[in-house]
Amino acid sequence: SDPVIFQELAEELLRSHADAERSDADRKNSPSAPQVTEVFSLDDADAIENSSALLVCFDVRRSSWFGLPPAVSAAHNAEMLTDEIYFVRQIARLDAACGIVALVHALLHADGLLREQDKGKNALSNVDMIRRSSCLLGQWLAGLQQNATSLQCGRTLAADASILAVYKKHAAKGQSRMPVSPWMLLGVPLILVTWEASRRFLGESVANFLPKWSLHAAMLVLLLSLLAYLRSRWLTCHFVCLAVKHERVVLLDGTQSGPKDLGSCGREKGAFARSALAFVRKSLLPALAKPETCAIMALSPETP
């Protein structure tokens, strides 16, 4: 949960990739990346009064053995948000990418978080600003079907090579564990099947062309690949996004079925920060086995 890494990631996701002839005009229409800062106290909402979203990282182990996952337990009384938004489900290929999923949710939906660089104000919605630019997120939105489901959003994001390349570059700098593809486990069995087929149909002399030690090495690679894959799935931390949407606090957790409406926060300055931190303090922390591991980053619009 390094604010510097998330700041750089947000900037790359929103950076214009227009051609040289359109770069100046497109840069003016591109949204400016928000400022990402660390939250040091749950009781000091004034320090982040301009924030529009929080990225909350916590240990996913539950406070009780038979309890619900922490974020589910914390929002069990919340209603599903009925507004049409782009909700990204964290599918298997995004297994270790909860940080970028939470960040994407914040950039798309936190009211007032983005501003057009030539205007210094948010005349358009975040989605409209991103869609009209040539940034990576804009290109991803352009590739989505109309009325795309949360699963389709997740699959399209996982299939976007440019966004995943940016994510992996920044994940390597921090504490994130990058996802391991299960397809890597198929390489060694393929070697063994090829060797056995050669032995049966082409004779022992052809099969023995490969040294026997290579088979033992293949089995070792298979074991190490399996351990690496399982380790990538045994994540102990998780990111969720809390964002202000139409003067309400919304929980955006890619592992849940949809966004949750946590209630009204009002429109006065600092209202979202107070309501969001109160939810973390009163509802999320009691559901955690290790509440002291919770870390929070605040996202605020860039200062004009």
Protein backbone atom coordinates (compact mmCIF):
# COMPACT_ATOMS: atom_id res chain seq x y z
CA SER A 1 0.00 0.00 0.00
CA ASP A 2 2.56 2.54 -1.19
CA PRO A 3 0.94 5.87 -2.19
CA VAL A 4 3.81 6.68 -4.56
CA ILE A 5 3.28 3.46 -6.53
CA PHE A 6 -0.48 4.01 -6.76
CA GLN A 7 0.11 7.63 -7.80
CA GLU A 8 2.36 6.49 -10.66
CA LEU A 9 -0.09 3.74 -11.62
CA ALA A 10 -3.00 6.20 -11.79
CA GLU A 11 -0.93 8.59 -13.91
CA GLU A 12 -0.06 5.85 -16.41
CA LEU A 13 -3.65 4.64 -16.64
CA LEU A 14 -4.82 8.18 -17.42
CA ARG A 15 -1.90 9.33 -19.59
CA SER A 16 -2.80 10.22 -23.17
CA HIS A 17 -1.54 7.85 -25.85
CA ALA A 18 -2.68 9.94 -28.84
CA ASP A 19 -0.55 10.25 -31.93
CA ALA A 20 1.74 13.23 -32.39
CA GLU A 21 -0.73 15.26 -34.47
CA ARG A 22 -3.45 15.04 -31.81
CA SER A 23 -1.35 14.95 -28.67
CA ASP A 24 -1.72 18.63 -27.68
CA ALA A 25 -5.51 18.74 -28.11
CA ASP A 26 -5.97 15.33 -26.55
CA ARG A 27 -3.80 16.23 -23.58
CA LYS A 28 -6.13 19.12 -22.80
CA ASN A 29 -9.12 16.78 -22.75
CA SER A 30 -7.37 14.10 -20.73
CA PRO A 31 -8.28 13.90 -17.04
CA SER A 32 -5.53 14.71 -14.56
CA ALA A 33 -4.54 11.96 -12.13
CA PRO A 34 -5.68 12.36 -8.52
CA GLN A 35 -3.32 12.88 -5.61
CA VAL A 36 -2.74 9.76 -3.52
CA THR A 37 -1.81 10.20 0.14
CA GLU A 38 -1.52 7.89 3.12
CA VAL A 39 -4.08 8.12 5.92
CA PHE A 40 -2.41 8.09 9.32
CA SER A 41 -5.42 8.36 11.61
CA LEU A 42 -9.01 7.15 11.43
CA ASP A 43 -10.02 10.03 13.69
CA ASP A 44 -8.57 12.85 11.59
CA ALA A 45 -11.00 13.28 8.70
CA ASP A 46 -10.00 16.94 8.34
CA ALA A 47 -6.60 15.85 6.99
CA ILE A 48 -8.30 14.28 3.96
CA GLU A 49 -11.39 16.48 3.73
CA ASN A 50 -10.93 16.95 -0.03
CA SER A 51 -10.82 13.22 -0.77
CA SER A 52 -13.36 11.52 -3.01
CA ALA A 53 -12.22 7.91 -2.54
CA LEU A 54 -10.32 5.68 -0.15
CA LEU A 55 -8.33 2.56 -1.01
CA VAL A 56 -8.42 0.27 2.01
CA CYS A 57 -5.98 -2.62 2.35
CA PHE A 58 -6.47 -5.22 5.08
CA ASP A 59 -5.63 -8.77 6.09
CA VAL A 60 -8.43 -10.97 4.74
CA ARG A 61 -8.33 -13.39 7.67
CA ARG A 62 -11.58 -13.26 9.58
CA SER A 63 -12.19 -12.32 13.19
CA SER A 64 -14.03 -15.63 13.71
CA TRP A 65 -13.46 -19.04 12.12
CA PHE A 66 -17.00 -19.34 10.76
CA GLY A 67 -17.47 -15.66 9.93
CA LEU A 68 -18.04 -14.03 6.57
CA PRO A 69 -15.17 -12.38 4.66
CA PRO A 70 -14.40 -9.04 6.38
CA ALA A 71 -15.74 -6.70 3.68
CA VAL A 72 -18.89 -8.81 3.30
CA SER A 73 -19.45 -8.87 7.04
CA ALA A 74 -18.86 -5.12 7.37
CA ALA A 75 -21.44 -4.30 4.67
CA HIS A 76 -23.94 -7.10 5.33
CA ASN A 77 -26.79 -4.63 5.95
CA ALA A 78 -26.00 -2.48 2.91
CA GLU A 79 -28.22 -2.47 -0.15
CA MET A 80 -26.89 -3.25 -3.59
CA LEU A 81 -26.34 -0.04 -5.55
CA THR A 82 -28.84 0.14 -8.38
CA ASP A 83 -27.07 2.85 -10.41
CA GLU A 84 -25.57 1.69 -13.68
CA ILE A 85 -21.82 1.70 -13.14
CA TYR A 86 -18.84 -0.18 -14.52
CA PHE A 87 -18.21 -2.73 -11.79
CA VAL A 88 -15.16 -4.97 -12.30
CA ARG A 89 -15.41 -8.48 -10.89
CA GLN A 90 -12.09 -9.86 -9.72
CA ILE A 91 -11.99 -13.01 -11.82
CA ALA A 92 -9.33 -15.73 -11.54
CA ARG A 93 -6.90 -14.01 -13.93
CA LEU A 94 -7.10 -10.90 -11.71
CA ASP A 95 -6.54 -12.98 -8.58
CA ALA A 96 -3.66 -10.89 -7.21
CA ALA A 97 -4.66 -7.59 -8.79
CA CYS A 98 -7.14 -6.33 -6.20
CA GLY A 99 -5.15 -3.09 -5.92
CA ILE A 100 -5.59 -2.08 -9.55
CA VAL A 101 -9.26 -3.18 -9.47
CA ALA A 102 -9.87 -0.89 -6.48
CA LEU A 103 -8.00 1.95 -8.19
CA VAL A 104 -9.96 1.53 -11.44
CA HIS A 105 -13.22 1.63 -9.46
CA ALA A 106 -12.13 4.89 -7.81
CA LEU A 107 -11.03 6.53 -11.08
CA LEU A 108 -14.27 5.59 -12.82
CA HIS A 109 -16.81 6.45 -10.17
CA ALA A 110 -15.61 8.76 -7.37
CA ASP A 111 -17.49 12.02 -7.93
CA GLY A 112 -15.20 15.03 -8.37
CA LEU A 113 -11.99 12.98 -8.35
CA LEU A 114 -10.93 13.75 -11.93
CA ARG A 115 -10.60 17.10 -13.65
CA GLU A 116 -9.97 18.02 -17.24
CA GLN A 117 -6.53 19.52 -17.56
CA ASP A 118 -7.63 22.52 -19.62
CA LYS A 119 -10.58 23.42 -17.41
CA GLY A 120 -9.52 22.53 -13.89
CA LYS A 121 -13.01 21.38 -13.05
CA ASN A 122 -15.14 18.27 -13.40
CA ALA A 123 -17.78 19.39 -15.90
CA LEU A 124 -18.18 15.80 -17.12
CA SER A 125 -18.51 12.53 -15.29
CA ASN A 126 -15.34 10.50 -14.73
CA VAL A 127 -16.42 7.88 -17.26
CA ASP A 128 -17.14 10.51 -19.94
CA MET A 129 -13.81 12.25 -19.36
CA ILE A 130 -11.90 8.98 -19.56
CA ARG A 131 -13.86 7.72 -22.55
CA ARG A 132 -13.16 10.84 -24.66
CA SER A 133 -9.41 10.62 -24.04
CA SER A 134 -6.92 8.19 -25.54
CA CYS A 135 -5.58 6.93 -22.21
CA LEU A 136 -5.32 3.23 -21.34
CA LEU A 137 -8.54 3.28 -19.34
CA GLY A 138 -10.28 5.09 -22.19
CA GLN A 139 -9.20 2.42 -24.64
CA TRP A 140 -10.42 -0.27 -22.24
CA LEU A 141 -13.81 1.44 -21.93
CA ALA A 142 -14.05 1.72 -25.72
CA GLY A 143 -13.61 -2.04 -25.99
CA LEU A 144 -16.46 -2.84 -23.61
CA GLN A 145 -19.86 -3.82 -24.90
CA GLN A 146 -22.79 -1.59 -24.09
CA ASN A 147 -24.33 -2.59 -20.74
CA ALA A 148 -21.37 -4.89 -20.05
CA THR A 149 -21.79 -7.10 -17.00
CA SER A 150 -19.34 -7.11 -14.10
CA LEU A 151 -17.88 -10.40 -15.32
CA GLN A 152 -17.39 -9.00 -18.81
CA CYS A 153 -15.64 -5.95 -17.32
CA GLY A 154 -13.34 -8.23 -15.34
CA ARG A 155 -12.55 -10.47 -18.31
CA THR A 156 -11.88 -7.50 -20.60
CA LEU A 157 -9.58 -5.90 -18.04
CA ALA A 158 -7.71 -9.17 -17.56
CA ALA A 159 -7.30 -9.48 -21.33
CA ASP A 160 -5.97 -5.92 -21.76
CA ALA A 161 -2.25 -6.50 -22.30
CA SER A 162 -1.35 -2.80 -21.97
CA ILE A 163 -3.05 -2.34 -18.60
CA LEU A 164 -1.65 -5.60 -17.23
CA ALA A 165 1.85 -4.63 -18.37
CA VAL A 166 1.55 -1.32 -16.48
CA TYR A 167 0.20 -3.14 -13.43
CA LYS A 168 3.00 -5.72 -13.39
CA LYS A 169 5.64 -3.01 -13.74
CA HIS A 170 4.39 -1.16 -10.68
CA ALA A 171 3.54 -4.31 -8.71
CA ALA A 172 7.18 -5.36 -9.01
CA LYS A 173 8.16 -2.16 -7.15
CA GLY A 174 5.91 -2.78 -4.17
CA GLN A 175 4.51 -5.53 -2.03
CA SER A 176 1.95 -6.86 -4.48
CA ARG A 177 2.24 -10.48 -5.50
CA MET A 178 1.88 -10.64 -9.24
CA PRO A 179 -0.54 -13.22 -10.64
CA VAL A 180 0.79 -16.52 -11.94
CA SER A 181 -0.97 -18.08 -14.89
CA PRO A 182 -2.25 -21.66 -14.36
CA TRP A 183 -1.27 -22.39 -17.97
CA MET A 184 2.37 -22.50 -16.89
CA LEU A 185 1.60 -25.86 -15.23
CA LEU A 186 0.84 -27.48 -18.58
CA GLY A 187 4.35 -27.21 -19.97
CA VAL A 188 5.94 -30.06 -18.02
CA PRO A 189 3.11 -32.59 -18.58
CA LEU A 190 3.39 -31.79 -22.28
CA ILE A 191 7.08 -32.73 -22.17
CA LEU A 192 6.27 -36.02 -20.45
CA VAL A 193 3.49 -36.87 -22.91
CA THR A 194 5.80 -36.13 -25.85
CA TRP A 195 8.52 -38.35 -24.39
CA GLU A 196 6.12 -41.24 -23.78
CA ALA A 197 4.63 -40.93 -27.28
CA SER A 198 8.13 -41.00 -28.77
CA ARG A 199 9.00 -44.10 -26.77
CA ARG A 200 5.91 -45.99 -27.88
CA PHE A 201 5.68 -45.03 -31.53
CA LEU A 202 9.27 -44.24 -32.53
CA GLY A 203 11.18 -46.65 -30.34
CA GLU A 204 13.39 -46.49 -27.29
CA SER A 205 16.36 -45.11 -29.21
CA VAL A 206 14.50 -41.93 -30.14
CA ALA A 207 12.96 -41.53 -26.69
CA ASN A 208 16.32 -41.99 -25.02
CA PHE A 209 17.68 -39.13 -27.08
CA LEU A 210 16.61 -36.94 -24.15
CA PRO A 211 18.79 -37.58 -21.09
CA LYS A 212 16.93 -39.23 -18.25
CA TRP A 213 17.91 -36.43 -15.90
CA SER A 214 15.79 -34.06 -18.01
CA LEU A 215 12.67 -35.94 -16.86
CA HIS A 216 13.63 -35.47 -13.22
CA ALA A 217 14.30 -31.81 -13.92
CA ALA A 218 10.89 -31.54 -15.57
CA MET A 219 9.20 -33.00 -12.50
CA LEU A 220 11.07 -30.53 -10.29
CA VAL A 221 9.95 -27.62 -12.49
CA LEU A 222 6.39 -28.90 -12.29
CA LEU A 223 6.54 -29.00 -8.49
CA LEU A 224 8.02 -25.51 -8.25
CA SER A 225 5.46 -24.15 -10.73
CA LEU A 226 2.64 -25.69 -8.70
CA LEU A 227 3.98 -24.17 -5.48
CA ALA A 228 4.34 -20.76 -7.16
CA TYR A 229 0.79 -20.92 -8.48
CA LEU A 230 -0.67 -21.94 -5.12
CA ARG A 231 1.34 -19.24 -3.37
CA SER A 232 -0.07 -16.63 -5.75
CA ARG A 233 -3.58 -17.68 -4.72
CA TRP A 234 -2.93 -17.66 -0.98
CA LEU A 235 -3.10 -13.90 -0.68
CA THR A 236 -3.52 -12.58 2.84
CA CYS A 237 -4.26 -8.95 1.92
CA HIS A 238 -7.03 -7.37 -0.08
CA PHE A 239 -7.90 -3.92 -1.43
CA VAL A 240 -11.38 -2.40 -1.60
CA CYS A 241 -12.52 1.04 -2.68
CA LEU A 242 -14.79 3.42 -0.80
CA ALA A 243 -16.01 6.21 -3.07
CA VAL A 244 -18.52 9.04 -3.01
CA LYS A 245 -21.26 8.64 -5.60
CA HIS A 246 -24.24 10.99 -5.73
CA GLU A 247 -23.58 12.09 -2.13
CA ARG A 248 -23.53 8.49 -0.91
CA VAL A 249 -20.67 6.26 0.27
CA VAL A 250 -20.23 3.25 -2.01
CA LEU A 251 -18.22 0.11 -1.31
CA LEU A 252 -16.61 -1.31 -4.45
CA ASP A 253 -15.12 -4.73 -3.74
CA GLY A 254 -14.24 -6.82 -6.80
CA THR A 255 -14.82 -10.09 -4.93
CA GLN A 256 -18.46 -9.26 -4.21
CA SER A 257 -21.37 -9.47 -6.62
CA GLY A 258 -21.75 -5.72 -7.01
CA PRO A 259 -21.30 -2.29 -5.40
CA LYS A 260 -22.81 -1.70 -1.97
CA ASP A 261 -24.57 1.50 -0.89
CA LEU A 262 -23.35 2.32 2.63
CA GLY A 263 -25.61 5.33 3.11
CA SER A 264 -25.73 9.08 2.63
CA CYS A 265 -22.75 11.28 3.47
CA GLY A 266 -24.10 14.71 2.55
CA ARG A 267 -22.47 17.30 0.32
CA GLU A 268 -20.60 19.53 2.78
CA LYS A 269 -16.82 19.59 2.66
CA GLY A 270 -15.23 16.60 4.37
CA ALA A 271 -18.53 14.71 4.65
CA PHE A 272 -17.32 11.74 2.62
CA ALA A 273 -14.07 11.47 4.58
CA ARG A 274 -15.90 11.41 7.91
CA SER A 275 -18.47 8.84 6.76
CA ALA A 276 -15.92 6.57 5.05
CA LEU A 277 -13.51 6.57 7.99
CA ALA A 278 -16.41 5.91 10.36
CA PHE A 279 -17.34 2.83 8.32
CA VAL A 280 -13.78 1.53 8.49
CA ARG A 281 -13.53 2.20 12.22
CA LYS A 282 -16.94 0.88 13.29
CA SER A 283 -17.72 -1.87 10.75
CA LEU A 284 -14.61 -3.10 8.94
CA LEU A 285 -12.01 -3.20 11.71
CA PRO A 286 -14.18 -5.32 14.09
CA ALA A 287 -14.49 -7.92 11.29
CA LEU A 288 -10.71 -8.27 10.91
CA ALA A 289 -8.57 -10.83 12.70
CA LYS A 290 -5.67 -8.37 12.61
CA PRO A 291 -7.12 -4.84 12.52
CA GLU A 292 -3.68 -3.34 13.14
CA THR A 293 -2.67 -4.37 9.60
CA CYS A 294 -5.28 -2.14 7.96
CA ALA A 295 -3.78 0.57 5.74
CA ILE A 296 -5.64 3.36 3.95
CA MET A 297 -4.82 5.70 1.08
CA ALA A 298 -6.91 8.76 0.23
CA LEU A 299 -7.49 9.92 -3.36
CA SER A 300 -8.14 13.63 -3.84
CA PRO A 301 -8.56 15.71 -7.02
CA GLU A 302 -5.44 17.40 -8.27
CA THR A 303 -5.09 20.92 -6.96
CA PRO A 304 -5.67 23.42 -9.80
